[in-house]
PDB file of N, CA and C in Angstrom:
ATOM      1  N   MET A   1       0.814  -1.045   0.391  1.00  0.00           N
ATOM      2  CA  MET A   1       0.065  -0.253   0.172  1.00  0.00           C
ATOM      3  C   MET A   1       0.853   0.901  -0.348  1.00  0.00           C
ATOM      4  N   ALA A   2       2.363   1.269   0.824  1.00  0.00           N
ATOM      5  CA  ALA A   2       2.824   2.182   0.895  1.00  0.00           C
ATOM      6  C   ALA A   2       3.641   2.613  -0.617  1.00  0.00           C
ATOM      7  N   ASP A   3       4.131   1.734  -0.926  1.00  0.00           N
ATOM      8  CA  ASP A   3       3.978   1.636  -2.707  1.00  0.00           C
ATOM      9  C   ASP A   3       3.682   2.850  -3.457  1.00  0.00           C
ATOM     10  N   THR A   4       1.939   1.679  -3.781  1.00  0.00           N
ATOM     11  CA  THR A   4       1.042   2.933  -4.105  1.00  0.00           C
ATOM     12  C   THR A   4       0.693   4.207  -3.883  1.00  0.00           C
ATOM     13  N   ALA A   5       0.686   4.398  -2.230  1.00  0.00           N
ATOM     14  CA  ALA A   5       1.031   5.883  -2.241  1.00  0.00           C
ATOM     15  C   ALA A   5       2.020   7.055  -2.519  1.00  0.00           C
ATOM     16  N   GLU A   6       3.018   6.166  -3.059  1.00  0.00           N
ATOM     17  CA  GLU A   6       4.144   7.064  -3.024  1.00  0.00           C
ATOM     18  C   GLU A   6       4.521   6.993  -4.754  1.00  0.00           C
ATOM     19  N   HIS A   7       3.640   6.067  -5.083  1.00  0.00           N
ATOM     20  CA  HIS A   7       3.588   5.773  -6.143  1.00  0.00           C
ATOM     21  C   HIS A   7       2.814   7.198  -6.950  1.00  0.00           C
ATOM     22  N   THR A   8       2.114   7.307  -6.583  1.00  0.00           N
ATOM     23  CA  THR A   8       0.088   8.253  -6.856  1.00  0.00           C
ATOM     24  C   THR A   8       0.956   9.823  -6.090  1.00  0.00           C
ATOM     25  N   SER A   9       2.122  10.377  -5.338  1.00  0.00           N
ATOM     26  CA  SER A   9       2.550  11.430  -5.102  1.00  0.00           C
ATOM     27  C   SER A   9       3.505  11.606  -6.575  1.00  0.00           C
ATOM     28  N   GLN A  10       4.356  10.887  -6.597  1.00  0.00           N
ATOM     29  CA  GLN A  10       4.917  11.369  -8.054  1.00  0.00           C
ATOM     30  C   GLN A  10       4.912  11.587  -9.137  1.00  0.00           C
ATOM     31  N   THR A  11       3.756  10.263  -9.398  1.00  0.00           N
ATOM     32  CA  THR A  11       3.155  11.187 -11.120  1.00  0.00           C
ATOM     33  C   THR A  11       2.096  11.387 -11.138  1.00  0.00           C
ATOM     34  N   GLY A  12       1.403  11.770 -10.046  1.00  0.00           N
ATOM     35  CA  GLY A  12      -0.295  12.270  -9.349  1.00  0.00           C
ATOM     36  C   GLY A  12      -1.219  11.523 -10.541  1.00  0.00           C
ATOM     37  N   ARG A  13      -0.670   9.921 -10.829  1.00  0.00           N
ATOM     38  CA  ARG A  13      -1.466   9.347 -11.223  1.00  0.00           C
ATOM     39  C   ARG A  13      -1.531   7.750  -9.691  1.00  0.00           C
ATOM     40  N   SER A  14      -3.401   7.882  -9.805  1.00  0.00           N
ATOM     41  CA  SER A  14      -3.316   6.397  -9.136  1.00  0.00           C
ATOM     42  C   SER A  14      -1.869   4.920  -9.162  1.00  0.00           C
ATOM     43  N   GLU A  15      -2.367   3.799  -8.846  1.00  0.00           N
ATOM     44  CA  GLU A  15      -1.829   3.061  -9.419  1.00  0.00           C
ATOM     45  C   GLU A  15      -2.645   2.518  -9.620  1.00  0.00           C
ATOM     46  N   ALA A  16      -4.149   1.877  -9.403  1.00  0.00           N
ATOM     47  CA  ALA A  16      -5.352   1.548  -9.964  1.00  0.00           C
ATOM     48  C   ALA A  16      -5.342   2.660 -11.201  1.00  0.00           C
ATOM     49  N   ALA A  17      -5.219   3.662 -12.105  1.00  0.00           N
ATOM     50  CA  ALA A  17      -5.658   4.668 -13.220  1.00  0.00           C
ATOM     51  C   ALA A  17      -4.212   3.332 -14.171  1.00  0.00           C
ATOM     52  N   HIS A  18      -3.042   3.361 -13.147  1.00  0.00           N
ATOM     53  CA  HIS A  18      -1.821   2.636 -14.425  1.00  0.00           C
ATOM     54  C   HIS A  18      -2.508   1.624 -14.563  1.00  0.00           C
ATOM     55  N   THR A  19      -2.334   0.628 -13.884  1.00  0.00           N
ATOM     56  CA  THR A  19      -3.063  -0.517 -14.304  1.00  0.00           C
ATOM     57  C   THR A  19      -4.396  -1.127 -14.435  1.00  0.00           C
ATOM     58  N   ALA A  20      -4.750  -0.840 -15.543  1.00  0.00           N
ATOM     59  CA  ALA A  20      -6.553  -1.071 -14.928  1.00  0.00           C
ATOM     60  C   ALA A  20      -7.054  -1.166 -16.445  1.00  0.00           C
ATOM     61  N   GLY A  21      -5.930  -1.997 -17.529  1.00  0.00           N
ATOM     62  CA  GLY A  21      -5.752  -2.579 -18.683  1.00  0.00           C
ATOM     63  C   GLY A  21      -6.344  -2.216 -19.306  1.00  0.00           C
ATOM     64  N   ASN A  22      -6.694  -2.250 -20.611  1.00  0.00           N
ATOM     65  CA  ASN A  22      -7.816  -1.201 -21.421  1.00  0.00           C
ATOM     66  C   ASN A  22      -7.580   0.089 -20.791  1.00  0.00           C
ATOM     67  N   ALA A  23      -7.500   0.318 -19.899  1.00  0.00           N
ATOM     68  CA  ALA A  23      -8.975   1.539 -19.625  1.00  0.00           C
ATOM     69  C   ALA A  23      -7.057   2.852 -19.518  1.00  0.00           C
ATOM     70  N   LYS A  24      -7.780   3.526 -20.444  1.00  0.00           N
ATOM     71  CA  LYS A  24      -7.468   5.225 -20.645  1.00  0.00           C
ATOM     72  C   LYS A  24      -7.089   6.260 -19.568  1.00  0.00           C
ATOM     73  N   HIS A  25      -6.199   6.445 -19.186  1.00  0.00           N
ATOM     74  CA  HIS A  25      -5.829   7.683 -18.449  1.00  0.00           C
ATOM     75  C   HIS A  25      -6.611   8.814 -18.827  1.00  0.00           C
ATOM     76  N   VAL A  26      -7.167   9.458 -17.557  1.00  0.00           N
ATOM     77  CA  VAL A  26      -7.835  10.956 -18.220  1.00  0.00           C
ATOM     78  C   VAL A  26      -7.183  11.958 -17.384  1.00  0.00           C
ATOM     79  N   HIS A  27      -7.030  12.887 -18.356  1.00  0.00           N
ATOM     80  CA  HIS A  27      -6.344  14.225 -18.124  1.00  0.00           C
ATOM     81  C   HIS A  27      -7.384  15.431 -17.982  1.00  0.00           C
ATOM     82  N   HIS A  28      -8.266  15.109 -17.915  1.00  0.00           N
ATOM     83  CA  HIS A  28      -9.583  15.832 -17.314  1.00  0.00           C
ATOM     84  C   HIS A  28      -8.978  17.451 -17.977  1.00  0.00           C
ATOM     85  N   GLY A  29      -8.633  17.327 -19.076  1.00  0.00           N
ATOM     86  CA  GLY A  29      -8.211  19.028 -19.647  1.00  0.00           C
ATOM     87  C   GLY A  29      -7.224  19.816 -19.003  1.00  0.00           C
ATOM     88  N   ARG A  30      -5.966  18.906 -18.775  1.00  0.00           N
ATOM     89  CA  ARG A  30      -4.659  19.030 -17.710  1.00  0.00           C
ATOM     90  C   ARG A  30      -3.151  18.672 -19.164  1.00  0.00           C
ATOM     91  N   THR A  31      -3.811  19.679 -20.072  1.00  0.00           N
ATOM     92  CA  THR A  31      -2.431  19.996 -21.147  1.00  0.00           C
ATOM     93  C   THR A  31      -3.094  21.276 -21.611  1.00  0.00           C
ATOM     94  N   LEU A  32      -1.293  21.666 -22.094  1.00  0.00           N
ATOM     95  CA  LEU A  32      -1.503  22.143 -23.017  1.00  0.00           C
ATOM     96  C   LEU A  32      -2.427  23.250 -23.921  1.00  0.00           C
ATOM     97  N   ALA A  33      -2.072  21.930 -24.912  1.00  0.00           N
ATOM     98  CA  ALA A  33      -2.958  22.402 -25.584  1.00  0.00           C
ATOM     99  C   ALA A  33      -4.707  22.502 -25.241  1.00  0.00           C
ATOM    100  N   ALA A  34      -5.157  22.324 -24.111  1.00  0.00           N
ATOM    101  CA  ALA A  34      -6.526  22.436 -23.845  1.00  0.00           C
ATOM    102  C   ALA A  34      -6.254  24.010 -22.885  1.00  0.00           C
ATOM    103  N   TRP A  35      -5.457  24.151 -22.854  1.00  0.00           N
ATOM    104  CA  TRP A  35      -5.425  25.501 -21.486  1.00  0.00           C
ATOM    105  C   TRP A  35      -5.257  26.519 -22.759  1.00  0.00           C
ATOM    106  N   VAL A  36      -3.707  26.269 -23.725  1.00  0.00           N
ATOM    107  CA  VAL A  36      -4.038  27.331 -24.323  1.00  0.00           C
ATOM    108  C   VAL A  36      -5.381  26.825 -26.216  1.00  0.00           C
ATOM    109  N   GLY A  37      -5.893  26.436 -25.278  1.00  0.00           N
ATOM    110  CA  GLY A  37      -7.036  26.372 -26.390  1.00  0.00           C
ATOM    111  C   GLY A  37      -8.268  27.978 -25.941  1.00  0.00           C
ATOM    112  N   THR A  38      -8.825  27.273 -24.766  1.00  0.00           N
ATOM    113  CA  THR A  38      -9.815  27.331 -24.080  1.00  0.00           C
ATOM    114  C   THR A  38      -9.363  28.510 -24.190  1.00  0.00           C
ATOM    115  N   SER A  39      -8.328  29.469 -23.162  1.00  0.00           N
ATOM    116  CA  SER A  39      -7.981  31.034 -23.033  1.00  0.00           C
ATOM    117  C   SER A  39      -8.030  31.620 -24.143  1.00  0.00           C
ATOM    118  N   ILE A  40      -8.092  30.722 -25.188  1.00  0.00           N
ATOM    119  CA  ILE A  40      -7.758  32.177 -26.829  1.00  0.00           C
ATOM    120  C   ILE A  40      -9.365  32.009 -27.246  1.00  0.00           C
ATOM    121  N   ALA A  41      -9.916  30.741 -26.753  1.00  0.00           N
ATOM    122  CA  ALA A  41     -11.464  31.075 -27.023  1.00  0.00           C
ATOM    123  C   ALA A  41     -11.988  31.966 -25.482  1.00  0.00           C
ATOM    124  N   MET A  42     -12.310  31.634 -24.715  1.00  0.00           N
ATOM    125  CA  MET A  42     -12.625  32.407 -23.974  1.00  0.00           C
ATOM    126  C   MET A  42     -12.337  34.963 -24.623  1.00  0.00           C
ATOM    127  N   VAL A  43     -11.369  34.597 -24.775  1.00  0.00           N
ATOM    128  CA  VAL A  43     -11.125  35.303 -24.795  1.00  0.00           C
ATOM    129  C   VAL A  43     -12.199  36.382 -26.064  1.00  0.00           C
ATOM    130  N   ALA A  44     -12.247  35.391 -27.265  1.00  0.00           N
ATOM    131  CA  ALA A  44     -12.748  35.669 -27.955  1.00  0.00           C
ATOM    132  C   ALA A  44     -13.866  35.614 -27.801  1.00  0.00           C
ATOM    133  N   ILE A  45     -14.794  35.242 -26.835  1.00  0.00           N
ATOM    134  CA  ILE A  45     -15.919  34.748 -26.391  1.00  0.00           C
ATOM    135  C   ILE A  45     -16.283  36.549 -25.487  1.00  0.00           C
ATOM    136  N   VAL A  46     -15.174  36.409 -25.002  1.00  0.00           N
ATOM    137  CA  VAL A  46     -15.880  37.687 -24.336  1.00  0.00           C
ATOM    138  C   VAL A  46     -15.622  38.427 -25.607  1.00  0.00           C
ATOM    139  N   LEU A  47     -15.342  39.403 -26.255  1.00  0.00           N
ATOM    140  CA  LEU A  47     -14.710  40.048 -26.564  1.00  0.00           C
ATOM    141  C   LEU A  47     -15.561  40.035 -27.732  1.00  0.00           C
ATOM    142  N   GLY A  48     -16.372  39.385 -28.871  1.00  0.00           N
ATOM    143  CA  GLY A  48     -17.378  39.297 -29.294  1.00  0.00           C
ATOM    144  C   GLY A  48     -18.764  39.580 -28.417  1.00  0.00           C
ATOM    145  N   GLY A  49     -19.158  38.848 -27.291  1.00  0.00           N
ATOM    146  CA  GLY A  49     -19.963  39.872 -27.129  1.00  0.00           C
ATOM    147  C   GLY A  49     -19.781  41.421 -26.301  1.00  0.00           C
ATOM    148  N   ILE A  50     -19.027  40.989 -26.779  1.00  0.00           N
ATOM    149  CA  ILE A  50     -18.888  42.888 -26.195  1.00  0.00           C
ATOM    150  C   ILE A  50     -19.284  43.869 -27.144  1.00  0.00           C
ATOM    151  N   ALA A  51     -18.763  43.180 -28.465  1.00  0.00           N
ATOM    152  CA  ALA A  51     -19.194  43.661 -29.701  1.00  0.00           C
ATOM    153  C   ALA A  51     -21.012  43.841 -30.135  1.00  0.00           C
ATOM    154  N   VAL A  52     -20.589  42.551 -29.727  1.00  0.00           N
ATOM    155  CA  VAL A  52     -22.338  43.236 -30.142  1.00  0.00           C
ATOM    156  C   VAL A  52     -23.345  43.626 -29.391  1.00  0.00           C
ATOM    157  N   VAL A  53     -22.542  43.938 -28.096  1.00  0.00           N
ATOM    158  CA  VAL A  53     -23.474  44.644 -26.722  1.00  0.00           C
ATOM    159  C   VAL A  53     -23.653  45.994 -27.377  1.00  0.00           C
ATOM    160  N   VAL A  54     -22.047  46.717 -27.787  1.00  0.00           N
ATOM    161  CA  VAL A  54     -21.709  48.061 -28.471  1.00  0.00           C
ATOM    162  C   VAL A  54     -21.594  48.243 -30.060  1.00  0.00           C
ATOM    163  N   GLN A  55     -22.005  46.958 -30.162  1.00  0.00           N
ATOM    164  CA  GLN A  55     -21.854  47.018 -31.260  1.00  0.00           C
ATOM    165  C   GLN A  55     -21.070  47.581 -32.817  1.00  0.00           C
ATOM    166  N   VAL A  56     -19.729  46.911 -32.230  1.00  0.00           N
ATOM    167  CA  VAL A  56     -18.842  47.658 -33.530  1.00  0.00           C
ATOM    168  C   VAL A  56     -18.065  46.157 -33.969  1.00  0.00           C
ATOM    169  N   TRP A  57     -18.780  46.046 -35.092  1.00  0.00           N
ATOM    170  CA  TRP A  57     -18.692  44.815 -35.730  1.00  0.00           C
ATOM    171  C   TRP A  57     -17.774  44.592 -36.097  1.00  0.00           C
ATOM    172  N   PRO A  58     -16.546  45.228 -36.489  1.00  0.00           N
ATOM    173  CA  PRO A  58     -14.796  44.816 -36.867  1.00  0.00           C
ATOM    174  C   PRO A  58     -14.559  43.702 -35.690  1.00  0.00           C
ATOM    175  N   LEU A  59     -14.814  44.401 -34.575  1.00  0.00           N
ATOM    176  CA  LEU A  59     -14.801  43.978 -33.153  1.00  0.00           C
ATOM    177  C   LEU A  59     -14.978  42.028 -33.068  1.00  0.00           C
ATOM    178  N   PHE A  60     -16.079  42.268 -33.552  1.00  0.00           N
ATOM    179  CA  PHE A  60     -17.059  41.397 -33.899  1.00  0.00           C
ATOM    180  C   PHE A  60     -16.116  39.456 -33.999  1.00  0.00           C
ATOM    181  N   TRP A  61     -16.067  40.265 -35.703  1.00  0.00           N
ATOM    182  CA  TRP A  61     -15.449  39.260 -35.968  1.00  0.00           C
ATOM    183  C   TRP A  61     -14.240  39.096 -36.068  1.00  0.00           C
ATOM    184  N   VAL A  62     -13.012  39.631 -36.045  1.00  0.00           N
ATOM    185  CA  VAL A  62     -11.786  39.792 -34.484  1.00  0.00           C
ATOM    186  C   VAL A  62     -12.749  38.795 -33.430  1.00  0.00           C
ATOM    187  N   GLY A  63     -13.207  39.098 -32.505  1.00  0.00           N
ATOM    188  CA  GLY A  63     -13.619  37.427 -32.105  1.00  0.00           C
ATOM    189  C   GLY A  63     -14.325  36.396 -32.645  1.00  0.00           C
ATOM    190  N   VAL A  64     -14.431  36.266 -33.295  1.00  0.00           N
ATOM    191  CA  VAL A  64     -15.678  34.957 -35.149  1.00  0.00           C
ATOM    192  C   VAL A  64     -13.868  34.231 -35.243  1.00  0.00           C
ATOM    193  N   ALA A  65     -12.431  35.461 -35.633  1.00  0.00           N
ATOM    194  CA  ALA A  65     -11.392  34.796 -36.053  1.00  0.00           C
ATOM    195  C   ALA A  65     -11.001  34.486 -34.946  1.00  0.00           C
ATOM    196  N   LEU A  66     -10.664  34.985 -33.642  1.00  0.00           N
ATOM    197  CA  LEU A  66     -10.052  33.962 -33.037  1.00  0.00           C
ATOM    198  C   LEU A  66      -9.984  32.727 -32.485  1.00  0.00           C
ATOM    199  N   LEU A  67     -11.568  33.162 -32.015  1.00  0.00           N
ATOM    200  CA  LEU A  67     -12.183  31.560 -32.068  1.00  0.00           C
ATOM    201  C   LEU A  67     -11.708  30.316 -32.676  1.00  0.00           C
ATOM    202  N   VAL A  68     -11.654  30.431 -33.992  1.00  0.00           N
ATOM    203  CA  VAL A  68     -10.890  29.416 -35.117  1.00  0.00           C
ATOM    204  C   VAL A  68      -9.900  30.145 -34.453  1.00  0.00           C
ATOM    205  N   LEU A  69      -9.123  30.514 -34.371  1.00  0.00           N
ATOM    206  CA  LEU A  69      -7.319  30.528 -34.589  1.00  0.00           C
ATOM    207  C   LEU A  69      -7.639  29.605 -33.383  1.00  0.00           C
ATOM    208  N   SER A  70      -8.423  30.036 -32.271  1.00  0.00           N
ATOM    209  CA  SER A  70      -8.526  29.107 -31.356  1.00  0.00           C
ATOM    210  C   SER A  70      -8.858  27.104 -31.394  1.00  0.00           C
ATOM    211  N   LEU A  71      -9.550  26.630 -32.132  1.00  0.00           N
ATOM    212  CA  LEU A  71      -9.270  25.268 -32.561  1.00  0.00           C
ATOM    213  C   LEU A  71      -8.105  24.784 -33.541  1.00  0.00           C
ATOM    214  N   ILE A  72      -7.752  26.100 -34.738  1.00  0.00           N
ATOM    215  CA  ILE A  72      -6.065  25.305 -35.127  1.00  0.00           C
ATOM    216  C   ILE A  72      -4.842  25.267 -34.095  1.00  0.00           C
ATOM    217  N   VAL A  73      -5.125  26.381 -33.147  1.00  0.00           N
ATOM    218  CA  VAL A  73      -3.821  26.546 -32.496  1.00  0.00           C
ATOM    219  C   VAL A  73      -4.038  24.768 -31.210  1.00  0.00           C
ATOM    220  N   THR A  74      -5.536  24.675 -30.908  1.00  0.00           N
ATOM    221  CA  THR A  74      -5.640  23.440 -30.507  1.00  0.00           C
ATOM    222  C   THR A  74      -5.028  22.480 -30.729  1.00  0.00           C
ATOM    223  N   LYS A  75      -5.623  21.893 -31.571  1.00  0.00           N
ATOM    224  CA  LYS A  75      -5.499  21.160 -32.931  1.00  0.00           C
ATOM    225  C   LYS A  75      -3.737  20.826 -32.937  1.00  0.00           C
ATOM    226  N   VAL A  76      -3.394  21.902 -33.620  1.00  0.00           N
ATOM    227  CA  VAL A  76      -1.707  21.901 -34.195  1.00  0.00           C
ATOM    228  C   VAL A  76      -0.879  21.509 -33.077  1.00  0.00           C
ATOM    229  N   LEU A  77      -1.384  22.142 -31.661  1.00  0.00           N
ATOM    230  CA  LEU A  77      -0.672  21.332 -30.083  1.00  0.00           C
ATOM    231  C   LEU A  77      -0.903  20.622 -29.779  1.00  0.00           C
ATOM    232  N   GLN A  78      -2.276  19.346 -29.971  1.00  0.00           N
ATOM    233  CA  GLN A  78      -1.945  18.075 -30.160  1.00  0.00           C
ATOM    234  C   GLN A  78      -1.805  17.506 -30.909  1.00  0.00           C
ATOM    235  N   VAL A  79      -1.218  17.500 -32.254  1.00  0.00           N
ATOM    236  CA  VAL A  79      -0.832  16.522 -33.162  1.00  0.00           C
ATOM    237  C   VAL A  79       0.741  17.005 -32.846  1.00  0.00           C
ATOM    238  N   THR A  80       1.733  18.031 -32.222  1.00  0.00           N
ATOM    239  CA  THR A  80       2.205  18.141 -31.591  1.00  0.00           C
ATOM    240  C   THR A  80       3.083  17.331 -30.358  1.00  0.00           C
ATOM    241  N   GLY A  81       2.054  16.677 -29.750  1.00  0.00           N
ATOM    242  CA  GLY A  81       2.625  15.623 -28.688  1.00  0.00           C
ATOM    243  C   GLY A  81       2.395  17.235 -27.256  1.00  0.00           C
ATOM    244  N   HIS A  82       1.422  17.830 -27.078  1.00  0.00           N
ATOM    245  CA  HIS A  82       1.084  18.511 -25.907  1.00  0.00           C
ATOM    246  C   HIS A  82      -0.511  18.441 -24.931  1.00  0.00           C
ATOM    247  N   GLY A  83      -1.051  17.670 -25.903  1.00  0.00           N
ATOM    248  CA  GLY A  83      -2.403  16.956 -25.285  1.00  0.00           C
ATOM    249  C   GLY A  83      -2.722  15.925 -25.351  1.00  0.00           C
ATOM    250  N   ALA A  84      -3.650  15.601 -25.227  1.00  0.00           N
ATOM    251  CA  ALA A  84      -3.490  14.684 -23.740  1.00  0.00           C
ATOM    252  C   ALA A  84      -3.180  12.560 -25.154  1.00  0.00           C
ATOM    253  N   TYR A  85      -3.096  11.645 -24.609  1.00  0.00           N
ATOM    254  CA  TYR A  85      -2.354  10.490 -25.351  1.00  0.00           C
ATOM    255  C   TYR A  85      -3.125   9.857 -25.917  1.00  0.00           C
TER     256      TYR A  85
END
């Protein structure tokens, strides 16, 4: 039991999750790709929302472009190994 606790403290994963056979380890969004993509998308949605309220349409389209960019950046980071495996 001490080995399991030690293993958990060193890697952040429990022994049960590590040896669960076919079970895939779930990261719950704790990857660089998830954080960067979500951050860019959040900024895009806030800018787009402000732009709609104050009716500044060029700013709205900047928000739309940032939202598309967040999808692209997230996928590129996943492909380059910064996402969940």
